[in-house]
């Protein structure tokens, strides 16, 4: 299914916690909620004065969080579309924004080289994490105790979400790290890079566990399946690829976008994936309907 409504690049896609809705954001300065089954537009959010780089649901599904090139992040009522809170403090474009698992905190990443943690209820800034270079994403771990950030200096960093102190540097990529994600159990992290690879790391030791290399262009988005057995990557080669974690083999190549696949996400039940791209479209894929290619269970590139 293809969702059409944005008038410019689609920068982010995300399912609601119950999997019934999808939220997207765009260079057209809007975010939109869609019915995941019918593709009907349910709500549109307007107020940002520049591109919206990210939009996600709160853990209870009642709010939407957006981050924009206008240097702000905003919280909205998902039902009414009303703006509830504006997070101001960044001095440059906001690249990423995410709720903590309990919905009480928010983490934002900006081109101003800082990651900031906020109180989701009051909008007060709680922590400022410094030490990154340029454009990068940031997300909480499943238990809310850690944050991982990517950076143009080729290094992903894991931070203590309470103290704001850096605990690990993940070095191995040869170009900037543009996408990050924690595994569902929090034991591993996944990074996507301009070097055309995705890497899986041990979240405690920082050791590289696996390298996924098949894309023909930089990787801009990554995500784990809910059971942790699969990952999805989105690339400038106009494809998204679903991988088997154990074997590092590509199970499916999702081709259809006519530009960069900027954002990817699994549905909460793991049955569907959603992709958003520079062609202005959002696509929903029922990927488990199709059998994997021959030889997918033979190991590819695995680092120990």
Protein backbone atom coordinates (compact mmCIF):
# COMPACT_ATOMS: atom_id res chain seq x y z
CA UNK A 1 0.00 0.00 0.00
CA UNK A 2 1.23 3.49 -0.83
CA UNK A 3 0.26 6.52 1.26
CA UNK A 4 0.15 9.79 -0.65
CA UNK A 5 -0.44 13.14 0.97
CA UNK A 6 2.90 14.79 1.59
CA UNK A 7 4.10 17.23 -1.04
CA UNK A 8 7.83 16.71 -0.48
CA UNK A 9 10.40 14.27 0.96
CA UNK A 10 9.13 11.91 3.69
CA UNK A 11 11.73 11.97 6.45
CA UNK A 12 10.24 9.67 9.09
CA UNK A 13 7.75 6.84 9.53
CA UNK A 14 6.54 5.10 12.69
CA UNK A 15 3.74 2.78 13.78
CA UNK A 16 1.51 3.50 16.76
CA UNK A 17 1.97 1.16 19.75
CA UNK A 18 -1.13 -0.84 18.74
CA UNK A 19 -0.06 -1.00 15.09
CA UNK A 20 -3.32 0.51 13.83
CA UNK A 21 -1.88 3.87 12.80
CA UNK A 22 1.24 5.29 11.16
CA UNK A 23 2.72 8.75 11.61
CA UNK A 24 4.92 10.35 8.97
CA UNK A 25 6.82 13.63 8.72
CA UNK A 26 8.07 15.60 5.78
CA UNK A 27 10.07 18.43 4.29
CA UNK A 28 6.66 20.00 3.62
CA UNK A 29 6.58 21.05 7.31
CA UNK A 30 3.75 18.70 8.27
CA UNK A 31 3.27 15.41 10.09
CA UNK A 32 0.36 13.12 9.23
CA UNK A 33 -1.36 10.21 11.01
CA UNK A 34 -2.73 7.51 8.71
CA UNK A 35 -4.94 4.46 9.20
CA UNK A 36 -2.50 1.56 8.71
CA UNK A 37 -5.18 -0.69 7.21
CA UNK A 38 -7.02 1.65 4.86
CA UNK A 39 -4.39 4.32 4.19
CA UNK A 40 -6.88 7.06 5.13
CA UNK A 41 -5.46 10.31 6.47
CA UNK A 42 -6.68 10.75 10.06
CA UNK A 43 -4.87 13.84 11.36
CA UNK A 44 -2.41 16.48 10.17
CA UNK A 45 -0.06 18.52 12.34
CA UNK A 46 0.92 22.03 11.29
CA UNK A 47 2.92 24.60 13.21
CA UNK A 48 6.59 23.97 12.51
CA UNK A 49 8.19 26.60 10.27
CA UNK A 50 10.66 24.26 8.58
CA UNK A 51 11.05 20.60 7.63
CA UNK A 52 9.95 18.02 10.21
CA UNK A 53 12.72 15.44 10.41
CA UNK A 54 11.06 13.05 12.82
CA UNK A 55 7.63 12.13 14.21
CA UNK A 56 6.82 9.34 16.68
CA UNK A 57 3.96 8.22 18.91
CA UNK A 58 4.23 8.34 22.68
CA UNK A 59 4.29 4.89 24.37
CA UNK A 60 0.56 5.20 25.18
CA UNK A 61 -0.26 6.36 21.64
CA UNK A 62 -1.99 9.53 22.83
CA UNK A 63 0.66 12.03 21.79
CA UNK A 64 2.92 12.75 18.83
CA UNK A 65 6.47 14.06 19.18
CA UNK A 66 8.06 15.95 16.30
CA UNK A 67 11.54 17.38 15.71
CA UNK A 68 12.20 20.06 13.12
CA UNK A 69 14.76 22.08 11.23
CA UNK A 70 13.17 25.11 12.95
CA UNK A 71 15.30 24.10 16.01
CA UNK A 72 12.32 22.97 18.10
CA UNK A 73 10.67 19.72 19.11
CA UNK A 74 6.94 19.74 19.77
CA UNK A 75 4.41 17.50 21.50
CA UNK A 76 0.92 17.23 20.02
CA UNK A 77 -2.39 15.64 20.98
CA UNK A 78 -2.69 12.71 18.57
CA UNK A 79 -6.48 12.87 18.49
CA UNK A 80 -7.11 16.59 18.10
CA UNK A 81 -3.86 17.74 16.48
CA UNK A 82 -3.45 20.45 19.12
CA UNK A 83 0.09 21.51 20.08
CA UNK A 84 0.69 20.76 23.77
CA UNK A 85 4.33 21.61 24.34
CA UNK A 86 7.25 23.26 22.53
CA UNK A 87 10.79 22.22 23.48
CA UNK A 88 13.16 25.12 22.87
CA UNK A 89 16.90 25.23 23.54
CA UNK A 90 18.70 23.81 20.53
CA UNK A 91 20.56 26.37 18.45
CA UNK A 92 20.44 24.45 15.18
CA UNK A 93 18.23 21.97 13.32
CA UNK A 94 16.68 19.14 15.36
CA UNK A 95 17.50 15.88 13.60
CA UNK A 96 15.83 13.36 15.92
CA UNK A 97 13.35 13.13 18.80
CA UNK A 98 12.19 10.12 20.81
CA UNK A 99 10.25 9.32 23.96
CA UNK A 100 11.67 7.23 26.78
CA UNK A 101 9.88 3.87 27.18
CA UNK A 102 7.80 5.20 30.09
CA UNK A 103 6.92 8.37 28.18
CA UNK A 104 8.25 10.66 30.91
CA UNK A 105 11.35 11.91 29.11
CA UNK A 106 12.31 12.94 25.60
CA UNK A 107 15.67 12.85 23.88
CA UNK A 108 16.52 15.13 20.96
CA UNK A 109 19.56 15.26 18.71
CA UNK A 110 20.59 18.39 16.82
CA UNK A 111 23.02 19.81 14.32
CA UNK A 112 24.21 22.02 17.20
CA UNK A 113 26.31 18.99 18.28
CA UNK A 114 24.27 18.31 21.41
CA UNK A 115 21.82 15.68 22.57
CA UNK A 116 19.30 16.96 25.09
CA UNK A 117 17.01 15.17 27.52
CA UNK A 118 13.73 16.84 28.46
CA UNK A 119 10.87 16.36 30.90
CA UNK A 120 7.97 15.36 28.64
CA UNK A 121 5.34 16.90 30.92
CA UNK A 122 6.90 20.27 31.67
CA UNK A 123 9.23 20.71 28.67
CA UNK A 124 12.13 21.45 31.01
CA UNK A 125 15.62 20.55 29.83
CA UNK A 126 17.15 17.95 32.17
CA UNK A 127 20.49 17.05 30.57
CA UNK A 128 22.77 18.18 27.76
CA UNK A 129 25.09 15.58 26.22
CA UNK A 130 28.03 17.01 24.30
CA UNK A 131 30.82 15.45 22.30
CA UNK A 132 29.28 14.54 18.92
CA UNK A 133 30.07 16.03 15.54
CA UNK A 134 27.31 17.31 13.28
CA UNK A 135 24.26 15.51 12.05
CA UNK A 136 23.10 12.52 14.10
CA UNK A 137 20.22 10.53 15.67
CA UNK A 138 19.52 9.62 19.31
CA UNK A 139 17.25 7.02 20.98
CA UNK A 140 16.63 5.52 24.43
CA UNK A 141 17.32 1.90 25.34
CA UNK A 142 14.28 -0.32 26.11
CA UNK A 143 14.79 0.14 29.87
CA UNK A 144 15.29 3.90 29.52
CA UNK A 145 18.67 3.79 31.27
CA UNK A 146 20.85 4.40 28.20
CA UNK A 147 20.90 6.54 25.08
CA UNK A 148 22.73 5.83 21.86
CA UNK A 149 23.76 8.58 19.45
CA UNK A 150 25.29 8.57 16.00
CA UNK A 151 27.71 11.16 14.65
CA UNK A 152 29.48 12.39 11.54
CA UNK A 153 32.82 11.54 13.16
CA UNK A 154 32.16 7.82 12.40
CA UNK A 155 31.54 6.98 16.08
CA UNK A 156 28.34 5.90 17.84
CA UNK A 157 28.22 6.62 21.54
CA UNK A 158 26.27 5.09 24.43
CA UNK A 159 25.41 7.39 27.34
CA UNK A 160 23.97 6.99 30.82
CA UNK A 161 20.53 8.60 30.53
CA UNK A 162 20.48 9.53 34.21
CA UNK A 163 23.87 11.15 34.65
CA UNK A 164 24.49 12.21 31.06
CA UNK A 165 27.92 10.61 31.15
CA UNK A 166 29.35 8.78 28.14
CA UNK A 167 29.87 5.07 28.81
CA UNK A 168 30.99 3.62 25.45
CA UNK A 169 32.31 4.65 22.05
CA UNK A 170 31.58 2.29 19.18
CA UNK A 171 34.33 2.63 16.58
CA UNK A 172 34.49 0.70 13.31
CA UNK A 173 32.50 2.55 10.68
CA UNK A 174 34.58 4.35 8.04
CA UNK A 175 32.03 7.13 7.45
CA UNK A 176 29.41 8.98 9.50
CA UNK A 177 26.82 7.09 11.55
CA UNK A 178 23.36 8.23 10.43
CA UNK A 179 21.06 5.69 12.10
CA UNK A 180 20.94 3.92 15.48
CA UNK A 181 18.67 1.46 17.30
CA UNK A 182 18.65 -0.76 20.39
CA UNK A 183 17.57 -4.40 20.16
CA UNK A 184 14.28 -5.19 21.94
CA UNK A 185 16.16 -6.74 24.89
CA UNK A 186 18.65 -3.85 25.03
CA UNK A 187 21.67 -6.15 24.76
CA UNK A 188 22.69 -5.04 21.28
CA UNK A 189 22.71 -1.86 19.25
CA UNK A 190 22.45 -1.42 15.51
CA UNK A 191 24.07 1.37 13.52
CA UNK A 192 23.73 2.44 9.90
CA UNK A 193 26.42 4.42 8.13
CA UNK A 194 27.36 6.40 5.06
CA UNK A 195 29.94 3.64 4.50
CA UNK A 196 27.05 1.49 3.12
CA UNK A 197 27.09 -0.97 6.04
CA UNK A 198 25.04 -1.62 9.15
CA UNK A 199 26.79 -3.00 12.22
CA UNK A 200 25.54 -4.78 15.31
CA UNK A 201 27.38 -4.20 18.58
CA UNK A 202 27.35 -5.59 22.09
CA UNK A 203 25.76 -2.81 24.16
CA UNK A 204 27.87 -3.63 27.24
CA UNK A 205 31.33 -4.24 25.76
CA UNK A 206 31.16 -2.29 22.51
CA UNK A 207 32.36 -5.30 20.51
CA UNK A 208 31.24 -5.59 16.89
CA UNK A 209 29.09 -8.71 16.53
CA UNK A 210 27.95 -8.54 12.92
CA UNK A 211 28.33 -6.44 9.80
CA UNK A 212 25.57 -6.24 7.19
CA UNK A 213 26.90 -5.21 3.80
CA UNK A 214 24.84 -5.43 0.61
CA UNK A 215 23.52 -1.93 -0.05
CA UNK A 216 24.98 0.05 -2.92
CA UNK A 217 24.59 3.37 -1.15
CA UNK A 218 24.73 4.96 2.32
CA UNK A 219 22.35 3.62 4.99
CA UNK A 220 20.09 6.27 6.49
CA UNK A 221 17.72 4.20 8.63
CA UNK A 222 17.74 0.99 10.68
CA UNK A 223 15.32 -0.89 12.92
CA UNK A 224 14.97 -4.19 14.78
CA UNK A 225 11.92 -6.43 14.46
CA UNK A 226 9.96 -6.79 17.72
CA UNK A 227 11.37 -10.29 18.31
CA UNK A 228 14.93 -9.19 17.50
CA UNK A 229 15.38 -11.88 14.84
CA UNK A 230 15.35 -9.50 11.90
CA UNK A 231 16.51 -6.00 11.05
CA UNK A 232 15.58 -3.59 8.30
CA UNK A 233 17.84 -1.03 6.65
CA UNK A 234 16.95 1.86 4.32
CA UNK A 235 19.42 3.27 1.84
CA UNK A 236 20.15 5.85 -0.84
CA UNK A 237 20.18 2.95 -3.32
CA UNK A 238 16.36 3.30 -3.26
CA UNK A 239 15.79 0.01 -1.45
CA UNK A 240 15.03 -1.22 2.02
CA UNK A 241 16.38 -4.63 2.97
CA UNK A 242 15.17 -7.06 5.60
CA UNK A 243 17.89 -9.25 7.08
CA UNK A 244 18.11 -12.39 9.18
CA UNK A 245 20.18 -11.43 12.22
CA UNK A 246 21.66 -14.88 12.85
CA UNK A 247 22.98 -15.47 9.32
CA UNK A 248 23.39 -11.82 8.21
CA UNK A 249 21.59 -12.74 4.99
CA UNK A 250 19.14 -10.53 3.10
CA UNK A 251 15.65 -12.04 3.26
CA UNK A 252 13.90 -9.39 1.18
CA UNK A 253 14.83 -6.42 -0.93
CA UNK A 254 11.97 -3.93 -0.94
CA UNK A 255 12.21 -1.97 -4.19
CA UNK A 256 9.69 0.64 -5.30
CA UNK A 257 10.84 4.01 -4.02
CA UNK A 258 12.34 6.30 -6.66
CA UNK A 259 14.65 8.05 -4.19
CA UNK A 260 16.49 7.61 -0.90
CA UNK A 261 14.68 5.41 1.64
CA UNK A 262 15.04 7.75 4.58
CA UNK A 263 13.05 5.93 7.27
CA UNK A 264 11.98 2.37 8.08
CA UNK A 265 9.98 0.69 10.85
CA UNK A 266 8.45 -2.68 11.76
CA UNK A 267 4.86 -2.96 12.95
CA UNK A 268 4.48 -3.99 16.62
CA UNK A 269 3.54 -7.54 15.57
CA UNK A 270 6.48 -7.70 13.12
CA UNK A 271 4.27 -8.67 10.19
CA UNK A 272 4.53 -5.42 8.26
CA UNK A 273 7.13 -2.75 7.63
CA UNK A 274 6.69 0.85 6.59
CA UNK A 275 9.17 2.89 4.55
CA UNK A 276 9.36 6.57 3.70
CA UNK A 277 11.48 8.24 1.06
CA UNK A 278 12.65 11.19 -0.95
CA UNK A 279 10.00 10.43 -3.58
CA UNK A 280 7.42 11.80 -1.13
CA UNK A 281 5.70 8.46 -0.65
CA UNK A 282 5.13 6.16 2.31
CA UNK A 283 4.82 2.44 1.58
CA UNK A 284 3.50 -0.40 3.72
CA UNK A 285 4.87 -3.87 2.99
CA UNK A 286 3.44 -7.23 4.12
CA UNK A 287 6.90 -8.75 3.95
CA UNK A 288 6.16 -12.14 5.53
CA UNK A 289 3.89 -13.13 2.65
CA UNK A 290 6.93 -13.71 0.44
CA UNK A 291 9.48 -16.55 0.82
CA UNK A 292 13.14 -15.62 1.35
CA UNK A 293 15.63 -16.19 -1.50
CA UNK A 294 17.60 -19.47 -1.82
CA UNK A 295 20.69 -19.64 0.39
CA UNK A 296 19.54 -16.98 2.83
CA UNK A 297 20.48 -19.16 5.80
CA UNK A 298 24.16 -19.40 4.84
CA UNK A 299 26.34 -16.94 6.79
CA UNK A 300 27.43 -13.77 5.06
CA UNK A 301 29.69 -11.24 6.83
CA UNK A 302 29.97 -11.88 10.55
CA UNK A 303 32.56 -10.20 12.77
CA UNK A 304 33.64 -11.62 16.12
